[in-house]
C-alpha atoms as a PDB file:
ATOM      1  CA  MET A   1      -0.106   0.019  -0.022  1.00  0.00           C
ATOM      2  CA  LYS A   2       1.294   3.359  -0.864  1.00  0.00           C
ATOM      3  CA  LYS A   3       2.313   5.622   2.089  1.00  0.00           C
ATOM      4  CA  GLY A   4      -0.308   8.222   1.434  1.00  0.00           C
ATOM      5  CA  TYR A   5      -3.112   5.868   1.093  1.00  0.00           C
ATOM      6  CA  ILE A   6      -3.034   5.014   4.799  1.00  0.00           C
ATOM      7  CA  TRP A   7      -4.888   8.214   5.606  1.00  0.00           C
ATOM      8  CA  TYR A   8      -7.690   7.277   3.247  1.00  0.00           C
ATOM      9  CA  LEU A   9      -7.859   3.925   4.866  1.00  0.00           C
ATOM     10  CA  LEU A  10      -8.143   5.491   8.278  1.00  0.00           C
ATOM     11  CA  LEU A  11     -10.813   8.012   7.276  1.00  0.00           C
ATOM     12  CA  ALA A  12     -12.846   5.135   5.599  1.00  0.00           C
ATOM     13  CA  ALA A  13     -12.523   3.198   8.795  1.00  0.00           C
ATOM     14  CA  LEU A  14     -13.780   6.040  10.909  1.00  0.00           C
ATOM     15  CA  ALA A  15     -16.628   6.872   8.380  1.00  0.00           C
ATOM     16  CA  CYS A  16     -17.783   3.171   8.497  1.00  0.00           C
ATOM     17  CA  TYR A  17     -17.740   3.054  12.192  1.00  0.00           C
ATOM     18  CA  PHE A  18     -19.818   6.194  12.439  1.00  0.00           C
ATOM     19  CA  ILE A  19     -22.422   5.172   9.880  1.00  0.00           C
ATOM     20  CA  VAL A  20     -22.829   1.642  11.286  1.00  0.00           C
ATOM     21  CA  THR A  21     -23.223   2.818  14.906  1.00  0.00           C
ATOM     22  CA  ALA A  22     -25.841   5.151  13.742  1.00  0.00           C
ATOM     23  CA  PHE A  23     -28.090   2.122  12.697  1.00  0.00           C
ATOM     24  CA  PHE A  24     -26.674  -0.179  15.438  1.00  0.00           C
ATOM     25  CA  PRO A  25     -26.024   1.909  18.671  1.00  0.00           C
ATOM     26  CA  ALA A  26     -25.100  -1.248  20.522  1.00  0.00           C
ATOM     27  CA  LEU A  27     -21.922  -1.619  18.562  1.00  0.00           C
ATOM     28  CA  HIS A  28     -20.708   1.534  20.314  1.00  0.00           C
ATOM     29  CA  LEU A  29     -20.291  -0.452  23.493  1.00  0.00           C
ATOM     30  CA  VAL A  30     -17.879  -2.853  21.673  1.00  0.00           C
ATOM     31  CA  PHE A  31     -16.066  -0.488  19.313  1.00  0.00           C
ATOM     32  CA  ASN A  32     -15.703   2.535  21.680  1.00  0.00           C
ATOM     33  CA  THR A  33     -13.561   5.531  21.463  1.00  0.00           C
ATOM     34  CA  MET A  34     -10.459   3.749  22.999  1.00  0.00           C
ATOM     35  CA  LEU A  35     -10.589   1.136  20.326  1.00  0.00           C
ATOM     36  CA  ILE A  36     -10.967   3.675  17.576  1.00  0.00           C
ATOM     37  CA  LEU A  37      -7.919   5.657  18.976  1.00  0.00           C
ATOM     38  CA  ALA A  38      -5.885   2.500  19.215  1.00  0.00           C
ATOM     39  CA  ILE A  39      -6.660   1.559  15.499  1.00  0.00           C
ATOM     40  CA  ALA A  40      -5.867   5.148  14.219  1.00  0.00           C
ATOM     41  CA  PHE A  41      -2.584   5.527  16.120  1.00  0.00           C
ATOM     42  CA  ILE A  42      -1.435   1.965  15.035  1.00  0.00           C
ATOM     43  CA  LEU A  43      -2.356   2.784  11.305  1.00  0.00           C
ATOM     44  CA  MET A  44      -0.637   6.039  11.471  1.00  0.00           C
ATOM     45  CA  GLY A  45       2.324   4.479  13.013  1.00  0.00           C
ATOM     46  CA  LEU A  46       2.610   1.828  10.271  1.00  0.00           C
ATOM     47  CA  GLY A  47       1.959   4.448   7.605  1.00  0.00           C
ATOM     48  CA  SER A  48       4.720   6.718   8.783  1.00  0.00           C
ATOM     49  CA  ARG A  49       6.968   3.981   9.976  1.00  0.00           C
ATOM     50  CA  SER A  50       6.868   5.436  13.456  1.00  0.00           C
ATOM     51  CA  ALA A  51       7.131   3.138  16.319  1.00  0.00           C
ATOM     52  CA  ILE A  52       6.209   5.882  18.840  1.00  0.00           C
ATOM     53  CA  LEU A  53       2.728   6.149  17.243  1.00  0.00           C
ATOM     54  CA  ALA A  54       2.327   2.448  17.108  1.00  0.00           C
ATOM     55  CA  PHE A  55       3.186   1.957  20.736  1.00  0.00           C
ATOM     56  CA  ILE A  56       0.787   4.832  21.677  1.00  0.00           C
ATOM     57  CA  GLY A  57      -1.924   2.895  19.836  1.00  0.00           C
ATOM     58  CA  LEU A  58      -1.045  -0.202  21.755  1.00  0.00           C
ATOM     59  CA  GLY A  59      -1.401   2.083  24.975  1.00  0.00           C
ATOM     60  CA  PHE A  60      -4.846   2.838  23.952  1.00  0.00           C
ATOM     61  CA  LEU A  61      -5.729  -0.827  23.217  1.00  0.00           C
ATOM     62  CA  SER A  62      -4.645  -1.849  26.618  1.00  0.00           C
ATOM     63  CA  ILE A  63      -7.196   0.513  28.075  1.00  0.00           C
ATOM     64  CA  TYR A  64      -9.799  -0.754  25.745  1.00  0.00           C
ATOM     65  CA  LEU A  65      -8.980  -4.371  26.717  1.00  0.00           C
ATOM     66  CA  LYS A  66      -9.023  -3.735  30.538  1.00  0.00           C
ATOM     67  CA  ASP A  67     -12.515  -1.756  30.279  1.00  0.00           C
ATOM     68  CA  THR A  68     -13.993  -4.583  28.163  1.00  0.00           C
ATOM     69  CA  PHE A  69     -12.628  -7.832  29.602  1.00  0.00           C
ATOM     70  CA  HIS A  70     -12.022  -6.430  33.209  1.00  0.00           C
ATOM     71  CA  PHE A  71      -8.191  -7.458  33.153  1.00  0.00           C
ATOM     72  CA  HIS A  72      -6.279  -6.621  36.344  1.00  0.00           C
ATOM     73  CA  TYR A  73      -3.372  -4.332  35.554  1.00  0.00           C
ATOM     74  CA  SER A  74      -2.546  -0.598  36.141  1.00  0.00           C
ATOM     75  CA  ILE A  75      -3.076   1.549  33.012  1.00  0.00           C
ATOM     76  CA  GLY A  76      -0.735   4.355  33.852  1.00  0.00           C
ATOM     77  CA  PRO A  77       2.484   2.397  34.181  1.00  0.00           C
ATOM     78  CA  LEU A  78       1.645   0.111  31.238  1.00  0.00           C
ATOM     79  CA  PHE A  79       0.789   2.962  28.914  1.00  0.00           C
ATOM     80  CA  ALA A  80       4.065   4.926  30.039  1.00  0.00           C
ATOM     81  CA  GLY A  81       6.158   1.793  29.471  1.00  0.00           C
ATOM     82  CA  LEU A  82       4.835   1.220  26.067  1.00  0.00           C
ATOM     83  CA  VAL A  83       5.372   4.699  24.981  1.00  0.00           C
ATOM     84  CA  LEU A  84       8.954   4.557  26.302  1.00  0.00           C
ATOM     85  CA  ILE A  85       9.575   1.288  24.338  1.00  0.00           C
ATOM     86  CA  GLY A  86       8.306   3.030  21.211  1.00  0.00           C
ATOM     87  CA  VAL A  87      10.635   5.899  21.701  1.00  0.00           C
ATOM     88  CA  ILE A  88      13.577   3.512  22.151  1.00  0.00           C
ATOM     89  CA  ILE A  89      12.784   1.356  19.028  1.00  0.00           C
ATOM     90  CA  ASN A  90      12.106   4.642  17.068  1.00  0.00           C
ATOM     91  CA  GLY A  91      15.546   6.018  18.008  1.00  0.00           C
ATOM     92  CA  ILE A  92      17.302   2.852  17.224  1.00  0.00           C
ATOM     93  CA  LEU A  93      15.616   2.076  13.845  1.00  0.00           C
ATOM     94  CA  LYS A  94      15.205   5.657  12.625  1.00  0.00           C
ATOM     95  CA  PRO A  95      17.626   8.392  13.958  1.00  0.00           C
ATOM     96  CA  ARG A  96      16.172  11.620  14.699  1.00  0.00           C
ATOM     97  CA  TYR A  97      18.531  13.580  12.529  1.00  0.00           C
ATOM     98  CA  SER A  98      20.613  11.488  10.069  1.00  0.00           C
ATOM     99  CA  TYR A  99      22.482  12.244   6.969  1.00  0.00           C
ATOM    100  CA  HIS A 100      22.664   9.295   4.303  1.00  0.00           C
ATOM    101  CA  TYR A 101      22.945   8.725   0.624  1.00  0.00           C
ATOM    102  CA  LYS A 102      19.593   8.242  -1.110  1.00  0.00           C
ATOM    103  CA  LYS A 103      18.855   8.267  -4.795  1.00  0.00           C
ATOM    104  CA  TYR A 104      16.484  10.882  -5.423  1.00  0.00           C
ATOM    105  CA  PHE A 105      12.865   9.734  -6.278  1.00  0.00           C
ATOM    106  CA  ASN A 106       9.366  11.303  -6.328  1.00  0.00           C
ATOM    107  CA  PRO A 107       7.200   9.669  -3.921  1.00  0.00           C
ATOM    108  CA  TYR A 108       4.022  11.530  -4.702  1.00  0.00           C
ATOM    109  CA  PHE A 109       3.902  11.424  -8.468  1.00  0.00           C
ATOM    110  CA  GLU A 110       0.216  10.503  -8.498  1.00  0.00           C
ATOM    111  CA  GLY A 111      -0.827  13.652  -6.605  1.00  0.00           C
ATOM    112  CA  ASN A 112      -1.854  16.907  -7.857  1.00  0.00           C
ATOM    113  CA  LYS A 113       1.149  18.950  -9.485  1.00  0.00           C
ATOM    114  CA  ARG A 114       1.733  22.716  -9.073  1.00  0.00           C
ATOM    115  CA  THR A 115       4.361  24.920 -10.453  1.00  0.00           C
ATOM    116  CA  TYR A 116       5.494  28.243  -8.880  1.00  0.00           C
ATOM    117  CA  ASP A 117       7.765  30.208 -11.389  1.00  0.00           C
ATOM    118  CA  SER A 118       6.823  33.834 -10.541  1.00  0.00           C
ATOM    119  CA  ASP A 119       9.076  36.271  -9.072  1.00  0.00           C
ATOM    120  CA  ASP A 120       6.355  38.726  -8.061  1.00  0.00           C
ATOM    121  CA  GLU A 121       5.820  37.196  -4.589  1.00  0.00           C
ATOM    122  CA  ALA A 122       8.485  36.749  -1.948  1.00  0.00           C
ATOM    123  CA  ASN A 123       6.269  34.676   0.398  1.00  0.00           C
ATOM    124  CA  ILE A 124       5.001  31.438  -0.953  1.00  0.00           C
ATOM    125  CA  TYR A 125       2.400  29.350   0.807  1.00  0.00           C
ATOM    126  CA  LEU A 126       1.917  25.605   0.141  1.00  0.00           C
ATOM    127  CA  LYS A 127      -0.956  23.899   1.837  1.00  0.00           C
ATOM    128  CA  THR A 128      -2.071  20.194   1.490  1.00  0.00           C
ATOM    129  CA  LEU A 129      -5.070  18.784   3.609  1.00  0.00           C
ATOM    130  CA  PHE A 130      -6.280  15.378   3.280  1.00  0.00           C
ATOM    131  CA  SER A 131      -4.470  14.833  -0.124  1.00  0.00           C
ATOM    132  CA  GLU A 132      -1.315  14.462  -1.898  1.00  0.00           C
ATOM    133  CA  ASN A 133       0.440  17.281  -3.776  1.00  0.00           C
ATOM    134  CA  MET A 134       3.678  17.935  -5.649  1.00  0.00           C
ATOM    135  CA  SER A 135       4.888  21.664  -6.077  1.00  0.00           C
ATOM    136  CA  TYR A 136       8.022  22.763  -8.273  1.00  0.00           C
ATOM    137  CA  ILE A 137       9.288  26.070  -7.146  1.00  0.00           C
ATOM    138  CA  THR A 138      11.546  27.782  -9.619  1.00  0.00           C
ATOM    139  CA  SER A 139      11.062  31.413  -8.349  1.00  0.00           C
ATOM    140  CA  GLN A 140      14.446  33.261  -7.872  1.00  0.00           C
ATOM    141  CA  GLN A 141      13.036  35.883  -5.503  1.00  0.00           C
ATOM    142  CA  ILE A 142      11.796  33.843  -2.498  1.00  0.00           C
ATOM    143  CA  SER A 143      12.088  35.282   1.044  1.00  0.00           C
ATOM    144  CA  HIS A 144       9.844  32.926   3.055  1.00  0.00           C
ATOM    145  CA  LEU A 145       8.511  29.573   2.306  1.00  0.00           C
ATOM    146  CA  PHE A 146       5.285  28.273   4.458  1.00  0.00           C
ATOM    147  CA  ILE A 147       4.636  24.571   4.075  1.00  0.00           C
ATOM    148  CA  THR A 148       1.484  23.111   5.759  1.00  0.00           C
ATOM    149  CA  THR A 149       0.561  19.422   5.556  1.00  0.00           C
ATOM    150  CA  LYS A 150      -2.159  17.627   7.506  1.00  0.00           C
ATOM    151  CA  PHE A 151      -3.362  14.125   7.113  1.00  0.00           C
ATOM    152  CA  GLY A 152      -1.693  13.674   3.716  1.00  0.00           C
ATOM    153  CA  GLY A 153       1.472  13.835   1.769  1.00  0.00           C
ATOM    154  CA  GLN A 154       3.325  16.787   0.065  1.00  0.00           C
ATOM    155  CA  TYR A 155       6.381  16.934  -2.043  1.00  0.00           C
ATOM    156  CA  VAL A 156       8.322  20.187  -2.703  1.00  0.00           C
ATOM    157  CA  ASP A 157      11.122  20.565  -5.137  1.00  0.00           C
ATOM    158  CA  LEU A 158      13.125  23.660  -4.566  1.00  0.00           C
ATOM    159  CA  SER A 159      16.240  22.390  -6.561  1.00  0.00           C
ATOM    160  CA  GLN A 160      15.919  25.265  -8.988  1.00  0.00           C
ATOM    161  CA  ALA A 161      14.749  27.933  -6.495  1.00  0.00           C
ATOM    162  CA  GLN A 162      16.693  30.763  -4.999  1.00  0.00           C
ATOM    163  CA  PHE A 163      16.381  32.930  -1.835  1.00  0.00           C
ATOM    164  CA  MET A 164      16.890  36.667  -2.143  1.00  0.00           C
ATOM    165  CA  THR A 165      17.034  37.672   1.398  1.00  0.00           C
ATOM    166  CA  ASP A 166      19.568  37.822   4.201  1.00  0.00           C
ATOM    167  CA  SER A 167      17.266  35.715   6.472  1.00  0.00           C
ATOM    168  CA  PRO A 168      15.742  32.767   4.229  1.00  0.00           C
ATOM    169  CA  GLU A 169      13.295  30.616   6.169  1.00  0.00           C
ATOM    170  CA  ILE A 170      11.279  27.562   5.616  1.00  0.00           C
ATOM    171  CA  HIS A 171       8.451  27.389   8.071  1.00  0.00           C
ATOM    172  CA  LEU A 172       6.679  24.008   8.562  1.00  0.00           C
ATOM    173  CA  ASP A 173       3.277  23.055   9.923  1.00  0.00           C
ATOM    174  CA  VAL A 174       3.068  19.215   9.369  1.00  0.00           C
ATOM    175  CA  SER A 175       0.679  17.019  11.519  1.00  0.00           C
ATOM    176  CA  PHE A 176      -0.154  13.341  10.901  1.00  0.00           C
ATOM    177  CA  ALA A 177       1.398  13.610   7.598  1.00  0.00           C
ATOM    178  CA  ASP A 178       4.720  13.156   5.494  1.00  0.00           C
ATOM    179  CA  THR A 179       6.560  15.901   3.535  1.00  0.00           C
ATOM    180  CA  THR A 180       9.489  15.567   1.390  1.00  0.00           C
ATOM    181  CA  ILE A 181      11.570  18.788   0.366  1.00  0.00           C
ATOM    182  CA  ARG A 182      14.272  18.773  -2.324  1.00  0.00           C
ATOM    183  CA  ILE A 183      16.717  21.532  -2.007  1.00  0.00           C
ATOM    184  CA  PRO A 184      19.976  22.703  -3.806  1.00  0.00           C
ATOM    185  CA  SER A 185      23.144  21.203  -2.528  1.00  0.00           C
ATOM    186  CA  HIS A 186      24.611  24.484  -1.595  1.00  0.00           C
ATOM    187  CA  TRP A 187      21.806  25.208   0.980  1.00  0.00           C
ATOM    188  CA  LYS A 188      22.827  24.798   4.539  1.00  0.00           C
ATOM    189  CA  ILE A 189      19.922  24.030   6.668  1.00  0.00           C
ATOM    190  CA  ILE A 190      19.678  25.184  10.336  1.00  0.00           C
ATOM    191  CA  ASN A 191      16.835  23.274  12.064  1.00  0.00           C
ATOM    192  CA  LYS A 192      15.059  25.082  14.541  1.00  0.00           C
ATOM    193  CA  ALA A 193      11.671  23.214  14.110  1.00  0.00           C
ATOM    194  CA  SER A 194      10.123  21.468  17.112  1.00  0.00           C
ATOM    195  CA  SER A 195       9.115  17.629  16.464  1.00  0.00           C
ATOM    196  CA  PRO A 196       7.132  16.121  19.055  1.00  0.00           C
ATOM    197  CA  PHE A 197       6.504  12.533  18.291  1.00  0.00           C
ATOM    198  CA  ALA A 198       7.945  13.012  14.699  1.00  0.00           C
ATOM    199  CA  THR A 199      11.103  12.610  12.689  1.00  0.00           C
ATOM    200  CA  ILE A 200      13.190  15.207  10.690  1.00  0.00           C
ATOM    201  CA  SER A 201      15.723  13.500   8.557  1.00  0.00           C
ATOM    202  CA  PHE A 202      18.124  14.552   5.848  1.00  0.00           C
ATOM    203  CA  SER A 203      19.184  12.495   2.622  1.00  0.00           C
ATOM    204  CA  GLY A 204      22.035  13.012   0.291  1.00  0.00           C
ATOM    205  CA  TYR A 205      25.145  15.140   0.687  1.00  0.00           C
ATOM    206  CA  PRO A 206      25.276  18.934   1.058  1.00  0.00           C
ATOM    207  CA  SER A 207      27.846  20.830  -0.906  1.00  0.00           C
ATOM    208  CA  THR A 208      31.175  21.884   0.842  1.00  0.00           C
ATOM    209  CA  GLU A 209      31.446  25.058  -1.228  1.00  0.00           C
ATOM    210  CA  ASP A 210      32.172  28.337   0.456  1.00  0.00           C
ATOM    211  CA  GLN A 211      29.311  30.061  -1.012  1.00  0.00           C
ATOM    212  CA  GLN A 212      26.766  28.266   1.051  1.00  0.00           C
ATOM    213  CA  ILE A 213      23.155  29.731   1.740  1.00  0.00           C
ATOM    214  CA  THR A 214      22.128  29.230   5.356  1.00  0.00           C
ATOM    215  CA  VAL A 215      18.251  28.554   5.441  1.00  0.00           C
ATOM    216  CA  LEU A 216      16.428  28.389   8.722  1.00  0.00           C
ATOM    217  CA  LEU A 217      13.987  25.642   9.292  1.00  0.00           C
ATOM    218  CA  THR A 218      11.212  26.577  11.733  1.00  0.00           C
ATOM    219  CA  GLY A 219       7.830  25.638  12.870  1.00  0.00           C
ATOM    220  CA  THR A 220       6.340  22.310  14.146  1.00  0.00           C
ATOM    221  CA  VAL A 221       6.195  18.722  12.874  1.00  0.00           C
ATOM    222  CA  ALA A 222       3.774  16.784  15.115  1.00  0.00           C
ATOM    223  CA  MET A 223       3.259  12.866  14.592  1.00  0.00           C
ATOM    224  CA  GLY A 224       4.629  13.006  11.128  1.00  0.00           C
ATOM    225  CA  THR A 225       7.824  12.923   9.118  1.00  0.00           C
ATOM    226  CA  VAL A 226       9.874  15.565   7.251  1.00  0.00           C
ATOM    227  CA  ASN A 227      12.670  14.487   4.779  1.00  0.00           C
ATOM    228  CA  ILE A 228      15.117  17.155   3.378  1.00  0.00           C
ATOM    229  CA  GLN A 229      16.789  15.721   0.144  1.00  0.00           C
ATOM    230  CA  TYR A 230      19.974  17.159  -1.454  1.00  0.00           C
END
């Protein structure tokens, strides 16, 4: 299953649940909120390859099992232990910040395509909600770039773009989504973005030339992934 389709599967499952419980209210006692949260977090963990999200889902599942089958164990320590195991596994299998060679590819080639080649606007806003989008930025007068991705996937190609400011900035607002950003090799990224339960990684090799452009990465990535490709 393609990575972006996991969100549609999750939404379809939630839609089916609400529709069925409208006709059969008794099912709400079996498939309660904790079970829905468990399924949602496990699916999001599998979709974004995040052990943290998957183990949070297992934590919600433990609450559901105790309430339904009256098992005898303490929820708080078990939930905390599962989340810590997820953090450890996620840190071992997928480092928070890593540089590694990776052949360039386009993971969102089936989504909507957009091209920004105008030099009239210094600030560019890219927003993707519950969908997949690909954007090619070739503007030579960028000052700030704002990227918003929620419940979907977004691919941004900046390999032909250029900043024309002393303080270039890429601002991220990513939640429950995956975002890939391709940048020129002479850009040096300074990561100031916060990433609760998320991963920001780097692929490829930056240039070692003297004329590097320092670009500030700001914003928030929550329960998602961002990959910067050189």
